[in-house]
Amino acid sequence: SGGPLLNSDGEVVGINVLKQHGADDIQMSLSTLQIIEL
């Protein structure tokens, strides 16, 4: 949590925040577009 999600250019597209418990391969990241203006 709090680490970066990177695209192929090494840019941060999200801040990692959640893992869906009880499920496989469902993780979630907060888009940097939502915070960049702040």
ModelCIF file with pLDDT and N, C-alpha, C, O atoms, coordinates in Angstrom:
data_MODEL
#
_entry.id   MODEL 
#
_entity.id                         1 
_entity.type                       polymer 
_entity.pdbx_number_of_molecules   1 
#
_entity_poly.entity_id                      1 
_entity_poly.type                           'polypeptide(L)' 
_entity_poly.nstd_linkage                   no 
_entity_poly.nstd_monomer                   no 
_entity_poly.pdbx_seq_one_letter_code       SGGPLLNSDGEVVGINVLKQHGADDIQMSLSTLQIIEL 
_entity_poly.pdbx_seq_one_letter_code_can   SGGPLLNSDGEVVGINVLKQHGADDIQMSLSTLQIIEL 
_entity_poly.pdbx_strand_id                 A 
#
loop_
_entity_poly_seq.entity_id 
_entity_poly_seq.num 
_entity_poly_seq.mon_id 
_entity_poly_seq.hetero 
1 1  SER n 
1 2  GLY n 
1 3  GLY n 
1 4  PRO n 
1 5  LEU n 
1 6  LEU n 
1 7  ASN n 
1 8  SER n 
1 9  ASP n 
1 10 GLY n 
1 11 GLU n 
1 12 VAL n 
1 13 VAL n 
1 14 GLY n 
1 15 ILE n 
1 16 ASN n 
1 17 VAL n 
1 18 LEU n 
1 19 LYS n 
1 20 GLN n 
1 21 HIS n 
1 22 GLY n 
1 23 ALA n 
1 24 ASP n 
1 25 ASP n 
1 26 ILE n 
1 27 GLN n 
1 28 MET n 
1 29 SER n 
1 30 LEU n 
1 31 SER n 
1 32 THR n 
1 33 LEU n 
1 34 GLN n 
1 35 ILE n 
1 36 ILE n 
1 37 GLU n 
1 38 LEU n 
#
_struct_asym.id          A 
_struct_asym.entity_id   1 
#
loop_
_ma_qa_metric.id 
_ma_qa_metric.mode 
_ma_qa_metric.name 
_ma_qa_metric.software_group_id 
_ma_qa_metric.type 
1 global pLDDT . pLDDT 
2 local  pLDDT . pLDDT 
#
_ma_qa_metric_global.metric_id      1 
_ma_qa_metric_global.metric_value   89.55 
_ma_qa_metric_global.model_id       1 
_ma_qa_metric_global.ordinal_id     1 
#
loop_
_ma_qa_metric_local.label_asym_id 
_ma_qa_metric_local.label_comp_id 
_ma_qa_metric_local.label_seq_id 
_ma_qa_metric_local.metric_id 
_ma_qa_metric_local.metric_value 
_ma_qa_metric_local.model_id 
_ma_qa_metric_local.ordinal_id 
A SER 1  2 96.00 1 1  
A GLY 2  2 97.00 1 2  
A GLY 3  2 98.00 1 3  
A PRO 4  2 97.00 1 4  
A LEU 5  2 97.00 1 5  
A LEU 6  2 96.00 1 6  
A ASN 7  2 94.00 1 7  
A SER 8  2 88.00 1 8  
A ASP 9  2 90.00 1 9  
A GLY 10 2 92.00 1 10 
A GLU 11 2 95.00 1 11 
A VAL 12 2 97.00 1 12 
A VAL 13 2 97.00 1 13 
A GLY 14 2 97.00 1 14 
A ILE 15 2 97.00 1 15 
A ASN 16 2 97.00 1 16 
A VAL 17 2 96.00 1 17 
A LEU 18 2 89.00 1 18 
A LYS 19 2 83.00 1 19 
A GLN 20 2 79.00 1 20 
A HIS 21 2 71.00 1 21 
A GLY 22 2 67.00 1 22 
A ALA 23 2 65.00 1 23 
A ASP 24 2 70.00 1 24 
A ASP 25 2 73.00 1 25 
A ILE 26 2 86.00 1 26 
A GLN 27 2 91.00 1 27 
A MET 28 2 95.00 1 28 
A SER 29 2 96.00 1 29 
A LEU 30 2 96.00 1 30 
A SER 31 2 95.00 1 31 
A THR 32 2 93.00 1 32 
A LEU 33 2 92.00 1 33 
A GLN 34 2 91.00 1 34 
A ILE 35 2 90.00 1 35 
A ILE 36 2 90.00 1 36 
A GLU 37 2 83.00 1 37 
A LEU 38 2 87.00 1 38 
#
loop_
_atom_site.group_PDB 
_atom_site.id 
_atom_site.type_symbol 
_atom_site.label_atom_id 
_atom_site.label_alt_id 
_atom_site.label_comp_id 
_atom_site.label_asym_id 
_atom_site.label_entity_id 
_atom_site.label_seq_id 
_atom_site.pdbx_PDB_ins_code 
_atom_site.Cartn_x 
_atom_site.Cartn_y 
_atom_site.Cartn_z 
_atom_site.occupancy 
_atom_site.B_iso_or_equiv 
_atom_site.pdbx_formal_charge 
_atom_site.auth_seq_id 
_atom_site.auth_comp_id 
_atom_site.auth_asym_id 
_atom_site.auth_atom_id 
_atom_site.pdbx_PDB_model_num 
ATOM 1   N N  . SER A 1 1  ? 0.828   -1.206  0.000   1.00 96.00 ? 1  SER A N  1 
ATOM 2   C CA . SER A 1 1  ? 0.000   0.000   0.000   1.00 96.00 ? 1  SER A CA 1 
ATOM 3   C C  . SER A 1 1  ? 0.864   1.259   0.000   1.00 96.00 ? 1  SER A C  1 
ATOM 4   O O  . SER A 1 1  ? 1.799   1.390   0.790   1.00 96.00 ? 1  SER A O  1 
ATOM 5   N N  . GLY A 1 2  ? 0.532   2.176   -0.899  1.00 97.00 ? 2  GLY A N  1 
ATOM 6   C CA . GLY A 1 2  ? 1.276   3.416   -1.008  1.00 97.00 ? 2  GLY A CA 1 
ATOM 7   C C  . GLY A 1 2  ? 2.369   3.385   -2.053  1.00 97.00 ? 2  GLY A C  1 
ATOM 8   O O  . GLY A 1 2  ? 2.902   4.430   -2.426  1.00 97.00 ? 2  GLY A O  1 
ATOM 9   N N  . GLY A 1 3  ? 2.713   2.195   -2.534  1.00 98.00 ? 3  GLY A N  1 
ATOM 10  C CA . GLY A 1 3  ? 3.731   2.081   -3.568  1.00 98.00 ? 3  GLY A CA 1 
ATOM 11  C C  . GLY A 1 3  ? 3.170   2.430   -4.937  1.00 98.00 ? 3  GLY A C  1 
ATOM 12  O O  . GLY A 1 3  ? 1.953   2.514   -5.100  1.00 98.00 ? 3  GLY A O  1 
ATOM 13  N N  . PRO A 1 4  ? 4.041   2.635   -5.929  1.00 97.00 ? 4  PRO A N  1 
ATOM 14  C CA . PRO A 1 4  ? 3.577   3.045   -7.249  1.00 97.00 ? 4  PRO A CA 1 
ATOM 15  C C  . PRO A 1 4  ? 3.173   1.876   -8.145  1.00 97.00 ? 4  PRO A C  1 
ATOM 16  O O  . PRO A 1 4  ? 3.701   0.770   -8.033  1.00 97.00 ? 4  PRO A O  1 
ATOM 17  N N  . LEU A 1 5  ? 2.231   2.151   -9.026  1.00 97.00 ? 5  LEU A N  1 
ATOM 18  C CA . LEU A 1 5  ? 1.899   1.264   -10.139 1.00 97.00 ? 5  LEU A CA 1 
ATOM 19  C C  . LEU A 1 5  ? 2.453   1.939   -11.379 1.00 97.00 ? 5  LEU A C  1 
ATOM 20  O O  . LEU A 1 5  ? 2.057   3.055   -11.716 1.00 97.00 ? 5  LEU A O  1 
ATOM 21  N N  . LEU A 1 6  ? 3.373   1.259   -12.061 1.00 96.00 ? 6  LEU A N  1 
ATOM 22  C CA . LEU A 1 6  ? 4.097   1.860   -13.179 1.00 96.00 ? 6  LEU A CA 1 
ATOM 23  C C  . LEU A 1 6  ? 3.617   1.331   -14.524 1.00 96.00 ? 6  LEU A C  1 
ATOM 24  O O  . LEU A 1 6  ? 3.221   0.172   -14.647 1.00 96.00 ? 6  LEU A O  1 
ATOM 25  N N  . ASN A 1 7  ? 3.658   2.206   -15.538 1.00 94.00 ? 7  ASN A N  1 
ATOM 26  C CA . ASN A 1 7  ? 3.406   1.752   -16.905 1.00 94.00 ? 7  ASN A CA 1 
ATOM 27  C C  . ASN A 1 7  ? 4.734   1.413   -17.576 1.00 94.00 ? 7  ASN A C  1 
ATOM 28  O O  . ASN A 1 7  ? 5.787   1.445   -16.937 1.00 94.00 ? 7  ASN A O  1 
ATOM 29  N N  . SER A 1 8  ? 4.678   1.090   -18.865 1.00 88.00 ? 8  SER A N  1 
ATOM 30  C CA . SER A 1 8  ? 5.883   0.640   -19.562 1.00 88.00 ? 8  SER A CA 1 
ATOM 31  C C  . SER A 1 8  ? 6.919   1.744   -19.753 1.00 88.00 ? 8  SER A C  1 
ATOM 32  O O  . SER A 1 8  ? 8.066   1.463   -20.097 1.00 88.00 ? 8  SER A O  1 
ATOM 33  N N  . ASP A 1 9  ? 6.525   2.992   -19.533 1.00 90.00 ? 9  ASP A N  1 
ATOM 34  C CA . ASP A 1 9  ? 7.460   4.107   -19.623 1.00 90.00 ? 9  ASP A CA 1 
ATOM 35  C C  . ASP A 1 9  ? 8.064   4.454   -18.268 1.00 90.00 ? 9  ASP A C  1 
ATOM 36  O O  . ASP A 1 9  ? 8.838   5.404   -18.155 1.00 90.00 ? 9  ASP A O  1 
ATOM 37  N N  . GLY A 1 10 ? 7.708   3.681   -17.235 1.00 92.00 ? 10 GLY A N  1 
ATOM 38  C CA . GLY A 1 10 ? 8.217   3.960   -15.909 1.00 92.00 ? 10 GLY A CA 1 
ATOM 39  C C  . GLY A 1 10 ? 7.488   5.093   -15.217 1.00 92.00 ? 10 GLY A C  1 
ATOM 40  O O  . GLY A 1 10 ? 7.942   5.582   -14.182 1.00 92.00 ? 10 GLY A O  1 
ATOM 41  N N  . GLU A 1 11 ? 6.347   5.522   -15.782 1.00 95.00 ? 11 GLU A N  1 
ATOM 42  C CA . GLU A 1 11 ? 5.553   6.573   -15.156 1.00 95.00 ? 11 GLU A CA 1 
ATOM 43  C C  . GLU A 1 11 ? 4.569   5.963   -14.159 1.00 95.00 ? 11 GLU A C  1 
ATOM 44  O O  . GLU A 1 11 ? 4.128   4.824   -14.315 1.00 95.00 ? 11 GLU A O  1 
ATOM 45  N N  . VAL A 1 12 ? 4.238   6.736   -13.145 1.00 97.00 ? 12 VAL A N  1 
ATOM 46  C CA . VAL A 1 12 ? 3.290   6.267   -12.123 1.00 97.00 ? 12 VAL A CA 1 
ATOM 47  C C  . VAL A 1 12 ? 1.871   6.510   -12.618 1.00 97.00 ? 12 VAL A C  1 
ATOM 48  O O  . VAL A 1 12 ? 1.470   7.651   -12.843 1.00 97.00 ? 12 VAL A O  1 
ATOM 49  N N  . VAL A 1 13 ? 1.114   5.425   -12.786 1.00 97.00 ? 13 VAL A N  1 
ATOM 50  C CA . VAL A 1 13 ? -0.285  5.552   -13.188 1.00 97.00 ? 13 VAL A CA 1 
ATOM 51  C C  . VAL A 1 13 ? -1.221  5.411   -11.999 1.00 97.00 ? 13 VAL A C  1 
ATOM 52  O O  . VAL A 1 13 ? -2.401  5.749   -12.093 1.00 97.00 ? 13 VAL A O  1 
ATOM 53  N N  . GLY A 1 14 ? -0.698  4.908   -10.866 1.00 97.00 ? 14 GLY A N  1 
ATOM 54  C CA . GLY A 1 14 ? -1.563  4.733   -9.712  1.00 97.00 ? 14 GLY A CA 1 
ATOM 55  C C  . GLY A 1 14 ? -0.786  4.541   -8.420  1.00 97.00 ? 14 GLY A C  1 
ATOM 56  O O  . GLY A 1 14 ? 0.404   4.229   -8.429  1.00 97.00 ? 14 GLY A O  1 
ATOM 57  N N  . ILE A 1 15 ? -1.494  4.738   -7.297  1.00 97.00 ? 15 ILE A N  1 
ATOM 58  C CA . ILE A 1 15 ? -0.973  4.423   -5.969  1.00 97.00 ? 15 ILE A CA 1 
ATOM 59  C C  . ILE A 1 15 ? -1.679  3.154   -5.510  1.00 97.00 ? 15 ILE A C  1 
ATOM 60  O O  . ILE A 1 15 ? -2.908  3.113   -5.447  1.00 97.00 ? 15 ILE A O  1 
ATOM 61  N N  . ASN A 1 16 ? -0.917  2.131   -5.192  1.00 97.00 ? 16 ASN A N  1 
ATOM 62  C CA . ASN A 1 16 ? -1.503  0.846   -4.822  1.00 97.00 ? 16 ASN A CA 1 
ATOM 63  C C  . ASN A 1 16 ? -2.202  0.948   -3.468  1.00 97.00 ? 16 ASN A C  1 
ATOM 64  O O  . ASN A 1 16 ? -1.617  1.411   -2.489  1.00 97.00 ? 16 ASN A O  1 
ATOM 65  N N  . VAL A 1 17 ? -3.472  0.507   -3.424  1.00 96.00 ? 17 VAL A N  1 
ATOM 66  C CA . VAL A 1 17 ? -4.249  0.706   -2.194  1.00 96.00 ? 17 VAL A CA 1 
ATOM 67  C C  . VAL A 1 17 ? -4.966  -0.535  -1.672  1.00 96.00 ? 17 VAL A C  1 
ATOM 68  O O  . VAL A 1 17 ? -5.151  -0.656  -0.461  1.00 96.00 ? 17 VAL A O  1 
ATOM 69  N N  . LEU A 1 18 ? -5.379  -1.463  -2.541  1.00 89.00 ? 18 LEU A N  1 
ATOM 70  C CA . LEU A 1 18 ? -6.265  -2.532  -2.084  1.00 89.00 ? 18 LEU A CA 1 
ATOM 71  C C  . LEU A 1 18 ? -5.969  -3.873  -2.727  1.00 89.00 ? 18 LEU A C  1 
ATOM 72  O O  . LEU A 1 18 ? -5.476  -3.954  -3.852  1.00 89.00 ? 18 LEU A O  1 
ATOM 73  N N  . LYS A 1 19 ? -6.284  -4.919  -1.984  1.00 83.00 ? 19 LYS A N  1 
ATOM 74  C CA . LYS A 1 19 ? -6.311  -6.278  -2.509  1.00 83.00 ? 19 LYS A CA 1 
ATOM 75  C C  . LYS A 1 19 ? -7.668  -6.873  -2.159  1.00 83.00 ? 19 LYS A C  1 
ATOM 76  O O  . LYS A 1 19 ? -8.111  -6.792  -1.013  1.00 83.00 ? 19 LYS A O  1 
ATOM 77  N N  . GLN A 1 20 ? -8.325  -7.470  -3.144  1.00 79.00 ? 20 GLN A N  1 
ATOM 78  C CA . GLN A 1 20 ? -9.635  -8.083  -2.882  1.00 79.00 ? 20 GLN A CA 1 
ATOM 79  C C  . GLN A 1 20 ? -9.443  -9.429  -2.204  1.00 79.00 ? 20 GLN A C  1 
ATOM 80  O O  . GLN A 1 20 ? -8.974  -10.383 -2.827  1.00 79.00 ? 20 GLN A O  1 
ATOM 81  N N  . HIS A 1 21 ? -9.804  -9.508  -0.929  1.00 71.00 ? 21 HIS A N  1 
ATOM 82  C CA . HIS A 1 21 ? -9.643  -10.749 -0.181  1.00 71.00 ? 21 HIS A CA 1 
ATOM 83  C C  . HIS A 1 21 ? -10.667 -11.787 -0.651  1.00 71.00 ? 21 HIS A C  1 
ATOM 84  O O  . HIS A 1 21 ? -11.812 -11.456 -0.958  1.00 71.00 ? 21 HIS A O  1 
ATOM 85  N N  . GLY A 1 22 ? -10.235 -13.031 -0.701  1.00 67.00 ? 22 GLY A N  1 
ATOM 86  C CA . GLY A 1 22 ? -11.107 -14.098 -1.142  1.00 67.00 ? 22 GLY A CA 1 
ATOM 87  C C  . GLY A 1 22 ? -11.173 -14.246 -2.645  1.00 67.00 ? 22 GLY A C  1 
ATOM 88  O O  . GLY A 1 22 ? -11.965 -15.037 -3.156  1.00 67.00 ? 22 GLY A O  1 
ATOM 89  N N  . ALA A 1 23 ? -10.347 -13.492 -3.363  1.00 65.00 ? 23 ALA A N  1 
ATOM 90  C CA . ALA A 1 23 ? -10.328 -13.568 -4.827  1.00 65.00 ? 23 ALA A CA 1 
ATOM 91  C C  . ALA A 1 23 ? -8.884  -13.621 -5.304  1.00 65.00 ? 23 ALA A C  1 
ATOM 92  O O  . ALA A 1 23 ? -7.976  -13.167 -4.608  1.00 65.00 ? 23 ALA A O  1 
ATOM 93  N N  . ASP A 1 24 ? -8.679  -14.170 -6.475  1.00 70.00 ? 24 ASP A N  1 
ATOM 94  C CA . ASP A 1 24 ? -7.343  -14.244 -7.061  1.00 70.00 ? 24 ASP A CA 1 
ATOM 95  C C  . ASP A 1 24 ? -7.163  -13.141 -8.096  1.00 70.00 ? 24 ASP A C  1 
ATOM 96  O O  . ASP A 1 24 ? -8.054  -12.874 -8.903  1.00 70.00 ? 24 ASP A O  1 
ATOM 97  N N  . ASP A 1 25 ? -5.998  -12.506 -8.058  1.00 73.00 ? 25 ASP A N  1 
ATOM 98  C CA . ASP A 1 25 ? -5.611  -11.541 -9.089  1.00 73.00 ? 25 ASP A CA 1 
ATOM 99  C C  . ASP A 1 25 ? -6.569  -10.372 -9.229  1.00 73.00 ? 25 ASP A C  1 
ATOM 100 O O  . ASP A 1 25 ? -6.815  -9.904  -10.341 1.00 73.00 ? 25 ASP A O  1 
ATOM 101 N N  . ILE A 1 26 ? -7.114  -9.893  -8.117  1.00 86.00 ? 26 ILE A N  1 
ATOM 102 C CA . ILE A 1 26 ? -7.920  -8.673  -8.133  1.00 86.00 ? 26 ILE A CA 1 
ATOM 103 C C  . ILE A 1 26 ? -7.308  -7.706  -7.125  1.00 86.00 ? 26 ILE A C  1 
ATOM 104 O O  . ILE A 1 26 ? -7.557  -7.792  -5.922  1.00 86.00 ? 26 ILE A O  1 
ATOM 105 N N  . GLN A 1 27 ? -6.512  -6.796  -7.642  1.00 91.00 ? 27 GLN A N  1 
ATOM 106 C CA . GLN A 1 27 ? -5.876  -5.761  -6.827  1.00 91.00 ? 27 GLN A CA 1 
ATOM 107 C C  . GLN A 1 27 ? -6.268  -4.405  -7.402  1.00 91.00 ? 27 GLN A C  1 
ATOM 108 O O  . GLN A 1 27 ? -6.646  -4.313  -8.570  1.00 91.00 ? 27 GLN A O  1 
ATOM 109 N N  . MET A 1 28 ? -6.181  -3.352  -6.591  1.00 95.00 ? 28 MET A N  1 
ATOM 110 C CA . MET A 1 28 ? -6.664  -2.053  -7.032  1.00 95.00 ? 28 MET A CA 1 
ATOM 111 C C  . MET A 1 28 ? -5.692  -0.928  -6.706  1.00 95.00 ? 28 MET A C  1 
ATOM 112 O O  . MET A 1 28 ? -4.986  -0.950  -5.698  1.00 95.00 ? 28 MET A O  1 
ATOM 113 N N  . SER A 1 29 ? -5.686  0.047   -7.595  1.00 96.00 ? 29 SER A N  1 
ATOM 114 C CA . SER A 1 29 ? -4.769  1.174   -7.476  1.00 96.00 ? 29 SER A CA 1 
ATOM 115 C C  . SER A 1 29 ? -5.532  2.477   -7.731  1.00 96.00 ? 29 SER A C  1 
ATOM 116 O O  . SER A 1 29 ? -6.380  2.545   -8.621  1.00 96.00 ? 29 SER A O  1 
ATOM 117 N N  . LEU A 1 30 ? -5.224  3.498   -6.949  1.00 96.00 ? 30 LEU A N  1 
ATOM 118 C CA . LEU A 1 30 ? -5.840  4.810   -7.104  1.00 96.00 ? 30 LEU A CA 1 
ATOM 119 C C  . LEU A 1 30 ? -5.137  5.570   -8.220  1.00 96.00 ? 30 LEU A C  1 
ATOM 120 O O  . LEU A 1 30 ? -3.930  5.802   -8.154  1.00 96.00 ? 30 LEU A O  1 
ATOM 121 N N  . SER A 1 31 ? -5.886  5.955   -9.236  1.00 95.00 ? 31 SER A N  1 
ATOM 122 C CA . SER A 1 31 ? -5.296  6.642   -10.383 1.00 95.00 ? 31 SER A CA 1 
ATOM 123 C C  . SER A 1 31 ? -4.645  7.959   -9.980  1.00 95.00 ? 31 SER A C  1 
ATOM 124 O O  . SER A 1 31 ? -5.214  8.730   -9.207  1.00 95.00 ? 31 SER A O  1 
ATOM 125 N N  . THR A 1 32 ? -3.447  8.212   -10.510 1.00 93.00 ? 32 THR A N  1 
ATOM 126 C CA . THR A 1 32 ? -2.762  9.472   -10.223 1.00 93.00 ? 32 THR A CA 1 
ATOM 127 C C  . THR A 1 32 ? -3.504  10.655  -10.840 1.00 93.00 ? 32 THR A C  1 
ATOM 128 O O  . THR A 1 32 ? -3.301  11.792  -10.416 1.00 93.00 ? 32 THR A O  1 
ATOM 129 N N  . LEU A 1 33 ? -4.356  10.411  -11.829 1.00 92.00 ? 33 LEU A N  1 
ATOM 130 C CA . LEU A 1 33 ? -5.129  11.498  -12.420 1.00 92.00 ? 33 LEU A CA 1 
ATOM 131 C C  . LEU A 1 33 ? -6.053  12.134  -11.390 1.00 92.00 ? 33 LEU A C  1 
ATOM 132 O O  . LEU A 1 33 ? -6.417  13.303  -11.518 1.00 92.00 ? 33 LEU A O  1 
ATOM 133 N N  . GLN A 1 34 ? -6.438  11.362  -10.360 1.00 91.00 ? 34 GLN A N  1 
ATOM 134 C CA . GLN A 1 34 ? -7.344  11.879  -9.348  1.00 91.00 ? 34 GLN A CA 1 
ATOM 135 C C  . GLN A 1 34 ? -6.654  12.782  -8.322  1.00 91.00 ? 34 GLN A C  1 
ATOM 136 O O  . GLN A 1 34 ? -7.321  13.490  -7.567  1.00 91.00 ? 34 GLN A O  1 
ATOM 137 N N  . ILE A 1 35 ? -5.337  12.756  -8.298  1.00 90.00 ? 35 ILE A N  1 
ATOM 138 C CA . ILE A 1 35 ? -4.627  13.525  -7.267  1.00 90.00 ? 35 ILE A CA 1 
ATOM 139 C C  . ILE A 1 35 ? -3.632  14.530  -7.847  1.00 90.00 ? 35 ILE A C  1 
ATOM 140 O O  . ILE A 1 35 ? -3.128  15.391  -7.125  1.00 90.00 ? 35 ILE A O  1 
ATOM 141 N N  . ILE A 1 36 ? -3.349  14.425  -9.138  1.00 90.00 ? 36 ILE A N  1 
ATOM 142 C CA . ILE A 1 36 ? -2.265  15.232  -9.709  1.00 90.00 ? 36 ILE A CA 1 
ATOM 143 C C  . ILE A 1 36 ? -2.552  16.737  -9.575  1.00 90.00 ? 36 ILE A C  1 
ATOM 144 O O  . ILE A 1 36 ? -1.632  17.538  -9.404  1.00 90.00 ? 36 ILE A O  1 
ATOM 145 N N  . GLU A 1 37 ? -3.850  17.113  -9.656  1.00 83.00 ? 37 GLU A N  1 
ATOM 146 C CA . GLU A 1 37 ? -4.198  18.536  -9.541  1.00 83.00 ? 37 GLU A CA 1 
ATOM 147 C C  . GLU A 1 37 ? -4.140  19.024  -8.094  1.00 83.00 ? 37 GLU A C  1 
ATOM 148 O O  . GLU A 1 37 ? -4.125  20.229  -7.841  1.00 83.00 ? 37 GLU A O  1 
ATOM 149 N N  . LEU A 1 38 ? -4.105  18.083  -7.145  1.00 87.00 ? 38 LEU A N  1 
ATOM 150 C CA . LEU A 1 38 ? -4.067  18.454  -5.730  1.00 87.00 ? 38 LEU A CA 1 
ATOM 151 C C  . LEU A 1 38 ? -2.636  18.630  -5.230  1.00 87.00 ? 38 LEU A C  1 
ATOM 152 O O  . LEU A 1 38 ? -2.426  18.943  -4.058  1.00 87.00 ? 38 LEU A O  1 
#
